[in-house]
Amino acid sequence: MAYAVGATVELELTLPGGTETASGVVFAYDAATDRLVLRQPGSTPFHSSLRILKGEHVTNILQLKPAAGPAEPLPAVDLQRCREREDKAVRAAEAEAAKIGVGVTRQAQVIFDALAKTLPCRWDGERIVVLDEIVVSPPYETCTSLHGDDAAAARVKKVLEAERQRLQSAG
């Protein structure tokens, strides 16, 4: 089948789960792979959803409005912005991965997660380092201050005790 890019269409689809109708503007069509990209309205007037459909699933096409002339060229891609977004996503993924302890028990990870909700934490092997000041070592019942900050140690100890009580009551 041929699809006119820019045309507003309503499609009848036969999918593995049953039949369905889909409507939108033909954004692109690739004859080599028989794939149709349909642009559908998004959650706001400034957003769209793109839906990729296999041509074999289209059983009927109703053209609601023909294309309004030749398709407008797509805007240039800002490669610098793409690199910045990629770098930001990589940093976020690395930060999330750093929150997962390697070789620690599930209970240790639960305690880390509870501390990390309110205080900046990181793993140092099996030890949890809070505020770069307080160290919580296995079995994660007590903590020590590296520089004598008793107030911070008391705060961490309070969270530790509360989490231990919660773990004991849960299981």
C-alpha atoms as a PDB file:
ATOM      1  CA  MET A   1       0.000   0.000   0.000  1.00  0.00           C
ATOM      2  CA  ALA A   2       1.129   3.559  -0.583  1.00  0.00           C
ATOM      3  CA  TYR A   3       0.676   6.255   2.022  1.00  0.00           C
ATOM      4  CA  ALA A   4       0.726   9.981   1.270  1.00  0.00           C
ATOM      5  CA  VAL A   5       2.947  11.717   3.807  1.00  0.00           C
ATOM      6  CA  GLY A   6       0.974  14.538   5.419  1.00  0.00           C
ATOM      7  CA  ALA A   7      -2.447  12.993   4.760  1.00  0.00           C
ATOM      8  CA  THR A   8      -4.877  12.630   7.650  1.00  0.00           C
ATOM      9  CA  VAL A   9      -6.055   9.027   7.731  1.00  0.00           C
ATOM     10  CA  GLU A  10      -8.133   6.599   9.719  1.00  0.00           C
ATOM     11  CA  LEU A  11      -6.850   3.041   9.657  1.00  0.00           C
ATOM     12  CA  GLU A  12      -8.516  -0.228  10.491  1.00  0.00           C
ATOM     13  CA  LEU A  13      -5.968  -2.546  12.060  1.00  0.00           C
ATOM     14  CA  THR A  14      -5.964  -6.272  12.678  1.00  0.00           C
ATOM     15  CA  LEU A  15      -3.633  -6.921  15.588  1.00  0.00           C
ATOM     16  CA  PRO A  16      -2.860 -10.108  17.535  1.00  0.00           C
ATOM     17  CA  GLY A  17      -5.210  -8.922  20.308  1.00  0.00           C
ATOM     18  CA  GLY A  18      -8.096  -8.059  17.960  1.00  0.00           C
ATOM     19  CA  THR A  19      -9.156  -5.222  15.694  1.00  0.00           C
ATOM     20  CA  GLU A  20      -8.624  -1.545  16.329  1.00  0.00           C
ATOM     21  CA  THR A  21      -8.889   1.797  14.567  1.00  0.00           C
ATOM     22  CA  ALA A  22      -6.154   4.410  14.591  1.00  0.00           C
ATOM     23  CA  SER A  23      -6.227   7.901  13.179  1.00  0.00           C
ATOM     24  CA  GLY A  24      -3.632  10.586  12.673  1.00  0.00           C
ATOM     25  CA  VAL A  25      -1.360  12.183  10.107  1.00  0.00           C
ATOM     26  CA  VAL A  26       0.988  10.030   8.031  1.00  0.00           C
ATOM     27  CA  PHE A  27       4.421  11.141   9.239  1.00  0.00           C
ATOM     28  CA  ALA A  28       6.512   8.676   7.224  1.00  0.00           C
ATOM     29  CA  TYR A  29       6.302   5.432   5.307  1.00  0.00           C
ATOM     30  CA  ASP A  30       9.143   3.030   4.496  1.00  0.00           C
ATOM     31  CA  ALA A  31       8.234   0.686   1.662  1.00  0.00           C
ATOM     32  CA  ALA A  32      11.330  -1.490   2.177  1.00  0.00           C
ATOM     33  CA  THR A  33      10.236  -2.510   5.677  1.00  0.00           C
ATOM     34  CA  ASP A  34       6.524  -1.812   5.137  1.00  0.00           C
ATOM     35  CA  ARG A  35       6.404   0.416   8.214  1.00  0.00           C
ATOM     36  CA  LEU A  36       4.086   3.380   8.649  1.00  0.00           C
ATOM     37  CA  VAL A  37       4.691   6.160  11.168  1.00  0.00           C
ATOM     38  CA  LEU A  38       1.470   7.817  12.254  1.00  0.00           C
ATOM     39  CA  ARG A  39       1.555  11.113  14.175  1.00  0.00           C
ATOM     40  CA  GLN A  40      -1.271  11.284  16.694  1.00  0.00           C
ATOM     41  CA  PRO A  41      -2.286  14.124  19.029  1.00  0.00           C
ATOM     42  CA  GLY A  42      -0.409  14.162  22.329  1.00  0.00           C
ATOM     43  CA  SER A  43      -1.390  15.280  25.801  1.00  0.00           C
ATOM     44  CA  THR A  44      -1.072  18.971  24.848  1.00  0.00           C
ATOM     45  CA  PRO A  45      -1.411  20.829  21.547  1.00  0.00           C
ATOM     46  CA  PHE A  46       2.379  21.154  21.409  1.00  0.00           C
ATOM     47  CA  HIS A  47       3.114  17.430  21.761  1.00  0.00           C
ATOM     48  CA  SER A  48       2.505  14.502  19.441  1.00  0.00           C
ATOM     49  CA  SER A  49       2.790  10.763  19.766  1.00  0.00           C
ATOM     50  CA  LEU A  50       4.385   8.749  16.995  1.00  0.00           C
ATOM     51  CA  ARG A  51       3.035   5.270  16.414  1.00  0.00           C
ATOM     52  CA  ILE A  52       4.924   2.819  14.227  1.00  0.00           C
ATOM     53  CA  LEU A  53       2.711   0.275  12.498  1.00  0.00           C
ATOM     54  CA  LYS A  54       3.450  -2.755  10.351  1.00  0.00           C
ATOM     55  CA  GLY A  55       1.766  -2.440   6.975  1.00  0.00           C
ATOM     56  CA  GLU A  56       0.496  -6.015   7.220  1.00  0.00           C
ATOM     57  CA  HIS A  57      -1.722  -5.001  10.163  1.00  0.00           C
ATOM     58  CA  VAL A  58      -3.549  -2.310   8.148  1.00  0.00           C
ATOM     59  CA  THR A  59      -6.727  -3.791   6.660  1.00  0.00           C
ATOM     60  CA  ASN A  60      -8.445  -0.599   5.483  1.00  0.00           C
ATOM     61  CA  ILE A  61      -7.449   3.027   4.913  1.00  0.00           C
ATOM     62  CA  LEU A  62      -9.832   5.957   4.931  1.00  0.00           C
ATOM     63  CA  GLN A  63      -8.220   9.215   3.871  1.00  0.00           C
ATOM     64  CA  LEU A  64      -9.931  11.971   5.825  1.00  0.00           C
ATOM     65  CA  LYS A  65      -7.896  14.854   4.434  1.00  0.00           C
ATOM     66  CA  PRO A  66      -5.252  14.820   1.702  1.00  0.00           C
ATOM     67  CA  ALA A  67      -1.750  16.134   2.270  1.00  0.00           C
ATOM     68  CA  ALA A  68      -1.623  19.930   2.143  1.00  0.00           C
ATOM     69  CA  GLY A  69       1.189  20.109  -0.403  1.00  0.00           C
ATOM     70  CA  PRO A  70       4.731  18.853  -0.124  1.00  0.00           C
ATOM     71  CA  ALA A  71       5.912  17.793   3.293  1.00  0.00           C
ATOM     72  CA  GLU A  72       7.854  20.374   5.241  1.00  0.00           C
ATOM     73  CA  PRO A  73      11.477  19.456   5.823  1.00  0.00           C
ATOM     74  CA  LEU A  74      12.320  18.380   9.326  1.00  0.00           C
ATOM     75  CA  PRO A  75      14.234  20.890  11.449  1.00  0.00           C
ATOM     76  CA  ALA A  76      17.952  20.452  11.934  1.00  0.00           C
ATOM     77  CA  VAL A  77      19.056  18.339  14.868  1.00  0.00           C
ATOM     78  CA  ASP A  78      21.137  20.239  17.409  1.00  0.00           C
ATOM     79  CA  LEU A  79      23.955  17.742  17.957  1.00  0.00           C
ATOM     80  CA  GLN A  80      25.389  19.675  20.900  1.00  0.00           C
ATOM     81  CA  ARG A  81      22.026  19.517  22.677  1.00  0.00           C
ATOM     82  CA  CYS A  82      21.789  15.784  21.917  1.00  0.00           C
ATOM     83  CA  ARG A  83      25.252  15.201  23.415  1.00  0.00           C
ATOM     84  CA  GLU A  84      24.325  17.232  26.504  1.00  0.00           C
ATOM     85  CA  ARG A  85      21.111  15.238  26.981  1.00  0.00           C
ATOM     86  CA  GLU A  86      23.031  11.995  26.538  1.00  0.00           C
ATOM     87  CA  ASP A  87      25.706  13.076  29.041  1.00  0.00           C
ATOM     88  CA  LYS A  88      23.024  14.087  31.536  1.00  0.00           C
ATOM     89  CA  ALA A  89      21.252  10.732  31.122  1.00  0.00           C
ATOM     90  CA  VAL A  90      24.529   8.826  31.550  1.00  0.00           C
ATOM     91  CA  ARG A  91      25.383  10.782  34.712  1.00  0.00           C
ATOM     92  CA  ALA A  92      21.901  10.090  36.118  1.00  0.00           C
ATOM     93  CA  ALA A  93      22.208   6.366  35.313  1.00  0.00           C
ATOM     94  CA  GLU A  94      25.654   6.212  36.921  1.00  0.00           C
ATOM     95  CA  ALA A  95      24.330   7.983  40.025  1.00  0.00           C
ATOM     96  CA  GLU A  96      21.480   5.461  40.290  1.00  0.00           C
ATOM     97  CA  ALA A  97      23.886   2.547  39.785  1.00  0.00           C
ATOM     98  CA  ALA A  98      26.147   3.909  42.537  1.00  0.00           C
ATOM     99  CA  LYS A  99      23.235   3.561  44.967  1.00  0.00           C
ATOM    100  CA  ILE A 100      23.254  -0.212  44.527  1.00  0.00           C
ATOM    101  CA  GLY A 101      25.647  -1.993  46.859  1.00  0.00           C
ATOM    102  CA  VAL A 102      27.828  -4.725  45.369  1.00  0.00           C
ATOM    103  CA  GLY A 103      28.077  -7.887  47.432  1.00  0.00           C
ATOM    104  CA  VAL A 104      25.774  -6.626  50.184  1.00  0.00           C
ATOM    105  CA  THR A 105      22.716  -8.277  51.662  1.00  0.00           C
ATOM    106  CA  ARG A 106      19.184  -7.267  50.813  1.00  0.00           C
ATOM    107  CA  GLN A 107      18.828  -5.942  54.357  1.00  0.00           C
ATOM    108  CA  ALA A 108      21.917  -3.742  53.890  1.00  0.00           C
ATOM    109  CA  GLN A 109      20.457  -2.331  50.679  1.00  0.00           C
ATOM    110  CA  VAL A 110      17.142  -1.598  52.426  1.00  0.00           C
ATOM    111  CA  ILE A 111      18.996   0.268  55.181  1.00  0.00           C
ATOM    112  CA  PHE A 112      21.004   2.223  52.592  1.00  0.00           C
ATOM    113  CA  ASP A 113      17.821   3.163  50.722  1.00  0.00           C
ATOM    114  CA  ALA A 114      16.185   4.355  53.956  1.00  0.00           C
ATOM    115  CA  LEU A 115      19.193   6.527  54.818  1.00  0.00           C
ATOM    116  CA  ALA A 116      19.476   7.851  51.259  1.00  0.00           C
ATOM    117  CA  LYS A 117      15.895   9.140  51.343  1.00  0.00           C
ATOM    118  CA  THR A 118      16.898  11.931  53.710  1.00  0.00           C
ATOM    119  CA  LEU A 119      20.701  12.057  53.724  1.00  0.00           C
ATOM    120  CA  PRO A 120      23.361  11.910  50.995  1.00  0.00           C
ATOM    121  CA  CYS A 121      24.886   8.420  51.074  1.00  0.00           C
ATOM    122  CA  ARG A 122      27.362   6.355  49.107  1.00  0.00           C
ATOM    123  CA  TRP A 123      28.754   2.854  49.272  1.00  0.00           C
ATOM    124  CA  ASP A 124      32.388   2.219  50.240  1.00  0.00           C
ATOM    125  CA  GLY A 125      32.648  -1.526  49.717  1.00  0.00           C
ATOM    126  CA  GLU A 126      30.204  -2.967  52.241  1.00  0.00           C
ATOM    127  CA  ARG A 127      30.221   0.184  54.361  1.00  0.00           C
ATOM    128  CA  ILE A 128      27.672   2.983  54.027  1.00  0.00           C
ATOM    129  CA  VAL A 129      29.143   6.480  54.169  1.00  0.00           C
ATOM    130  CA  VAL A 130      26.623   9.169  55.133  1.00  0.00           C
ATOM    131  CA  LEU A 131      27.336  12.891  54.628  1.00  0.00           C
ATOM    132  CA  ASP A 132      30.983  11.901  53.917  1.00  0.00           C
ATOM    133  CA  GLU A 133      31.239  11.955  57.716  1.00  0.00           C
ATOM    134  CA  ILE A 134      29.428   8.990  59.257  1.00  0.00           C
ATOM    135  CA  VAL A 135      30.357   5.356  58.523  1.00  0.00           C
ATOM    136  CA  VAL A 136      27.884   2.516  59.019  1.00  0.00           C
ATOM    137  CA  SER A 137      29.621  -0.866  58.872  1.00  0.00           C
ATOM    138  CA  PRO A 138      28.128  -4.358  58.824  1.00  0.00           C
ATOM    139  CA  PRO A 139      25.950  -5.513  60.560  1.00  0.00           C
ATOM    140  CA  TYR A 140      24.608  -1.945  60.150  1.00  0.00           C
ATOM    141  CA  GLU A 141      23.548  -1.492  63.768  1.00  0.00           C
ATOM    142  CA  THR A 142      25.926   1.268  64.831  1.00  0.00           C
ATOM    143  CA  CYS A 143      27.698   4.162  63.198  1.00  0.00           C
ATOM    144  CA  THR A 144      30.883   6.102  63.790  1.00  0.00           C
ATOM    145  CA  SER A 145      31.767   9.675  63.003  1.00  0.00           C
ATOM    146  CA  LEU A 146      35.036  10.259  61.174  1.00  0.00           C
ATOM    147  CA  HIS A 147      35.437  13.807  62.498  1.00  0.00           C
ATOM    148  CA  GLY A 148      33.576  13.756  65.819  1.00  0.00           C
ATOM    149  CA  ASP A 149      30.237  15.167  64.585  1.00  0.00           C
ATOM    150  CA  ASP A 150      28.042  13.686  67.301  1.00  0.00           C
ATOM    151  CA  ALA A 151      24.855  15.426  66.115  1.00  0.00           C
ATOM    152  CA  ALA A 152      25.132  13.890  62.641  1.00  0.00           C
ATOM    153  CA  ALA A 153      25.955  10.494  64.138  1.00  0.00           C
ATOM    154  CA  ALA A 154      22.894  10.704  66.406  1.00  0.00           C
ATOM    155  CA  ARG A 155      20.699  11.580  63.431  1.00  0.00           C
ATOM    156  CA  VAL A 156      21.986   8.609  61.413  1.00  0.00           C
ATOM    157  CA  LYS A 157      21.648   6.308  64.439  1.00  0.00           C
ATOM    158  CA  LYS A 158      18.011   7.381  64.841  1.00  0.00           C
ATOM    159  CA  VAL A 159      17.266   6.489  61.203  1.00  0.00           C
ATOM    160  CA  LEU A 160      19.120   3.176  61.618  1.00  0.00           C
ATOM    161  CA  GLU A 161      17.102   2.249  64.700  1.00  0.00           C
ATOM    162  CA  ALA A 162      13.805   3.152  63.043  1.00  0.00           C
ATOM    163  CA  GLU A 163      14.671   1.103  59.958  1.00  0.00           C
ATOM    164  CA  ARG A 164      15.770  -1.870  62.068  1.00  0.00           C
ATOM    165  CA  GLN A 165      12.443  -1.768  63.952  1.00  0.00           C
ATOM    166  CA  ARG A 166      10.546  -1.575  60.678  1.00  0.00           C
ATOM    167  CA  LEU A 167      12.491  -4.551  59.278  1.00  0.00           C
ATOM    168  CA  GLN A 168      11.879  -6.622  62.428  1.00  0.00           C
ATOM    169  CA  SER A 169       8.144  -5.900  62.418  1.00  0.00           C
ATOM    170  CA  ALA A 170       7.895  -6.693  58.696  1.00  0.00           C
ATOM    171  CA  GLY A 171       9.574  -9.915  58.800  1.00  0.00           C
END
